[in-house]
Protein backbone atom coordinates (compact mmCIF):
# COMPACT_ATOMS: atom_id res chain seq x y z
CA MET A 1 -5.14 -11.60 4.28
CA PRO A 2 -1.98 -10.82 2.24
CA LYS A 3 0.48 -13.59 1.50
CA HIS A 4 3.48 -11.20 1.53
CA THR A 5 4.03 -7.58 2.57
CA GLY A 6 6.85 -5.15 2.02
CA GLY A 7 7.92 -1.62 1.31
CA CYS A 8 10.69 0.84 0.63
CA LEU A 9 13.60 1.77 2.87
CA CYS A 10 11.93 4.86 4.40
CA GLY A 11 8.52 3.19 4.79
CA LYS A 12 6.45 5.64 2.73
CA VAL A 13 5.71 2.99 0.10
CA ARG A 14 4.03 -0.18 1.36
CA PHE A 15 2.53 -3.06 -0.58
CA GLU A 16 0.67 -6.33 -0.15
CA LEU A 17 0.91 -9.37 -2.42
CA SER A 18 -2.09 -11.70 -2.42
CA ASN A 19 -0.19 -14.88 -3.30
CA ASP A 20 3.21 -16.35 -4.07
CA PRO A 21 4.99 -15.08 -7.20
CA GLU A 22 4.48 -16.74 -10.57
CA VAL A 23 8.27 -16.92 -10.74
CA ALA A 24 11.15 -15.59 -8.63
CA TYR A 25 14.48 -15.04 -10.34
CA GLY A 26 17.84 -13.39 -10.49
CA CYS A 27 18.38 -11.24 -13.58
CA HIS A 28 22.04 -10.73 -14.49
CA CYS A 29 21.58 -8.42 -17.52
CA ARG A 30 23.50 -5.15 -17.79
CA PHE A 31 20.30 -3.13 -17.31
CA CYS A 32 19.65 -4.79 -13.94
CA GLN A 33 23.30 -4.47 -12.94
CA LYS A 34 23.26 -0.75 -13.67
CA ALA A 35 19.80 -0.16 -12.18
CA THR A 36 20.67 -1.87 -8.88
CA GLY A 37 24.36 -0.97 -8.71
CA THR A 38 25.20 -4.60 -7.99
CA ALA A 39 25.65 -7.98 -9.70
CA PHE A 40 21.97 -8.79 -10.35
CA ARG A 41 18.35 -7.98 -9.54
CA SER A 42 16.20 -10.39 -7.54
CA GLY A 43 12.68 -10.08 -8.89
CA MET A 44 9.30 -11.73 -8.44
CA ARG A 45 6.71 -11.74 -11.21
CA TYR A 46 3.05 -11.13 -10.30
CA LYS A 47 -0.12 -10.41 -12.19
CA LYS A 48 -0.94 -6.74 -11.57
CA GLY A 49 -4.22 -7.67 -9.89
CA ASN A 50 -2.32 -9.52 -7.14
CA VAL A 51 -0.34 -6.42 -6.11
CA SER A 52 -1.78 -3.74 -3.85
CA LEU A 53 0.31 -0.59 -3.29
CA ASN A 54 -0.55 2.07 -0.72
CA HIS A 55 -1.35 5.53 -1.97
CA ALA A 56 2.25 6.76 -1.97
CA ASP A 57 3.19 8.30 -5.31
CA LEU A 58 6.00 6.42 -7.00
CA LYS A 59 8.35 8.09 -9.46
CA THR A 60 9.00 6.30 -12.74
CA TYR A 61 12.13 6.07 -14.84
CA ILE A 62 11.43 4.80 -18.37
CA TYR A 63 14.30 2.94 -20.01
CA THR A 64 14.13 1.98 -23.68
CA SER A 65 16.22 -1.09 -24.47
CA PRO A 66 18.63 -0.55 -27.37
CA GLU A 67 18.48 -4.32 -27.98
CA HIS A 68 14.73 -4.64 -28.66
CA GLY A 69 13.30 -1.10 -28.44
CA ARG A 70 10.70 -1.86 -25.75
CA SER A 71 10.36 0.07 -22.50
CA LEU A 72 11.16 -1.05 -18.99
CA ASN A 73 9.54 1.16 -16.36
CA VAL A 74 11.33 1.40 -13.02
CA HIS A 75 9.02 2.60 -10.23
CA PHE A 76 10.74 3.92 -7.12
CA CYS A 77 10.10 5.84 -3.91
CA PRO A 78 10.73 9.56 -4.49
CA SER A 79 11.98 9.98 -0.90
CA CYS A 80 14.51 7.18 -0.44
CA GLY A 81 15.04 5.99 -4.03
CA THR A 82 14.17 2.33 -3.38
CA THR A 83 13.08 0.53 -6.54
CA VAL A 84 9.84 -1.19 -5.51
CA THR A 85 8.51 -2.50 -8.82
CA VAL A 86 9.22 -2.72 -12.54
CA THR A 87 6.70 -2.97 -15.37
CA THR A 88 7.53 -3.75 -18.97
CA GLU A 89 6.07 -3.12 -22.40
CA ARG A 90 6.63 -6.77 -23.37
CA PHE A 91 4.52 -8.13 -20.48
CA PRO A 92 1.85 -5.46 -19.78
CA GLU A 93 -0.16 -7.75 -17.46
CA ALA A 94 2.84 -8.37 -15.19
CA GLN A 95 4.34 -6.47 -12.32
CA VAL A 96 7.82 -7.35 -11.09
CA MET A 97 8.33 -6.78 -7.37
CA MET A 98 11.80 -6.52 -5.89
CA LEU A 99 12.53 -9.42 -3.55
CA GLY A 100 14.64 -7.27 -1.24
CA THR A 101 11.66 -5.02 -0.47
CA LEU A 102 9.72 -7.85 1.20
CA ASP A 103 9.35 -7.74 4.97
CA ASP A 104 10.45 -11.39 4.95
CA PRO A 105 12.53 -12.02 1.82
CA SER A 106 13.61 -15.42 3.16
CA SER A 107 10.06 -16.66 2.42
CA ILE A 108 10.88 -16.73 -1.33
CA THR A 109 13.24 -19.17 -3.05
CA VAL A 110 15.19 -17.97 -6.07
CA ASP A 111 16.37 -20.92 -8.14
CA MET A 112 16.12 -19.49 -11.65
CA HIS A 113 18.54 -17.04 -13.27
CA MET A 114 18.39 -15.16 -16.56
CA PHE A 115 20.98 -13.36 -18.70
CA ALA A 116 23.85 -15.37 -17.24
CA ASP A 117 25.80 -14.55 -20.43
CA GLU A 118 26.02 -10.94 -19.18
CA GLY A 119 26.59 -11.87 -15.54
CA MET A 120 29.58 -11.23 -13.34
CA LYS A 121 31.98 -14.15 -13.71
CA TRP A 122 32.38 -14.46 -9.91
CA VAL A 123 28.65 -15.19 -9.37
CA SER A 124 27.92 -18.88 -8.95
CA PHE A 125 24.63 -20.77 -9.11
CA GLY A 126 23.22 -23.59 -7.04
CA GLU A 127 23.52 -27.07 -8.53
CA ASP A 128 19.71 -27.33 -8.83
CA ASP A 129 19.21 -23.83 -10.25
CA THR A 130 17.82 -23.31 -13.75
CA VAL A 131 20.07 -20.88 -15.62
CA TYR A 132 19.41 -19.20 -18.97
CA GLY A 133 21.97 -17.42 -21.14
CA LYS A 134 19.39 -14.77 -22.03
CA HIS A 135 15.68 -14.47 -21.11
CA ARG A 136 13.74 -17.56 -20.00
CA LEU A 137 11.41 -16.93 -22.95
CA ASN A 138 12.46 -16.60 -26.56
CA SER A 139 11.32 -13.52 -28.49
CA ASP A 140 8.40 -15.53 -29.92
CA GLY A 141 7.22 -16.47 -26.40
CA THR A 142 8.36 -20.08 -26.46
CA PRO A 143 10.44 -21.39 -23.53
CA ALA A 144 14.19 -20.94 -23.90
CA THR A 145 16.60 -23.81 -23.36
CA PRO A 146 18.50 -23.62 -20.06
CA LEU A 147 22.28 -23.72 -19.98
CA ASN A 148 24.21 -26.66 -18.58
CA VAL A 149 26.10 -25.06 -15.68
């Protein structure tokens, strides 16, 4: 029995998630702002083996970061354009699912934010949220230090 289900706007793409996410977060980087057309992306990190997509063919846009040169792969429904998932070169075992595509997005709590240094100045965070200026992991894989916000 899936823990969470969801899909795209038109319903052609459906997915099941076998457990809760490893982490749920808001990403405020310029890539996510541009890709979503809004202030930030709400994502949930899963191991690829915990994600089951139906047989709908997703289209993929490959973005190469000018900052670090690695690819970010945006997978979206070819009919309605909904971004369903993102995979990255840096974390090949991970699959990021978009929180807004869940059938019940209120079942997930987002209390961690990354790339706040690039965020819109009018976005505020909860007093118990963990906020990072850049990624939550340093380039060497060690945990980053959260900001005092």
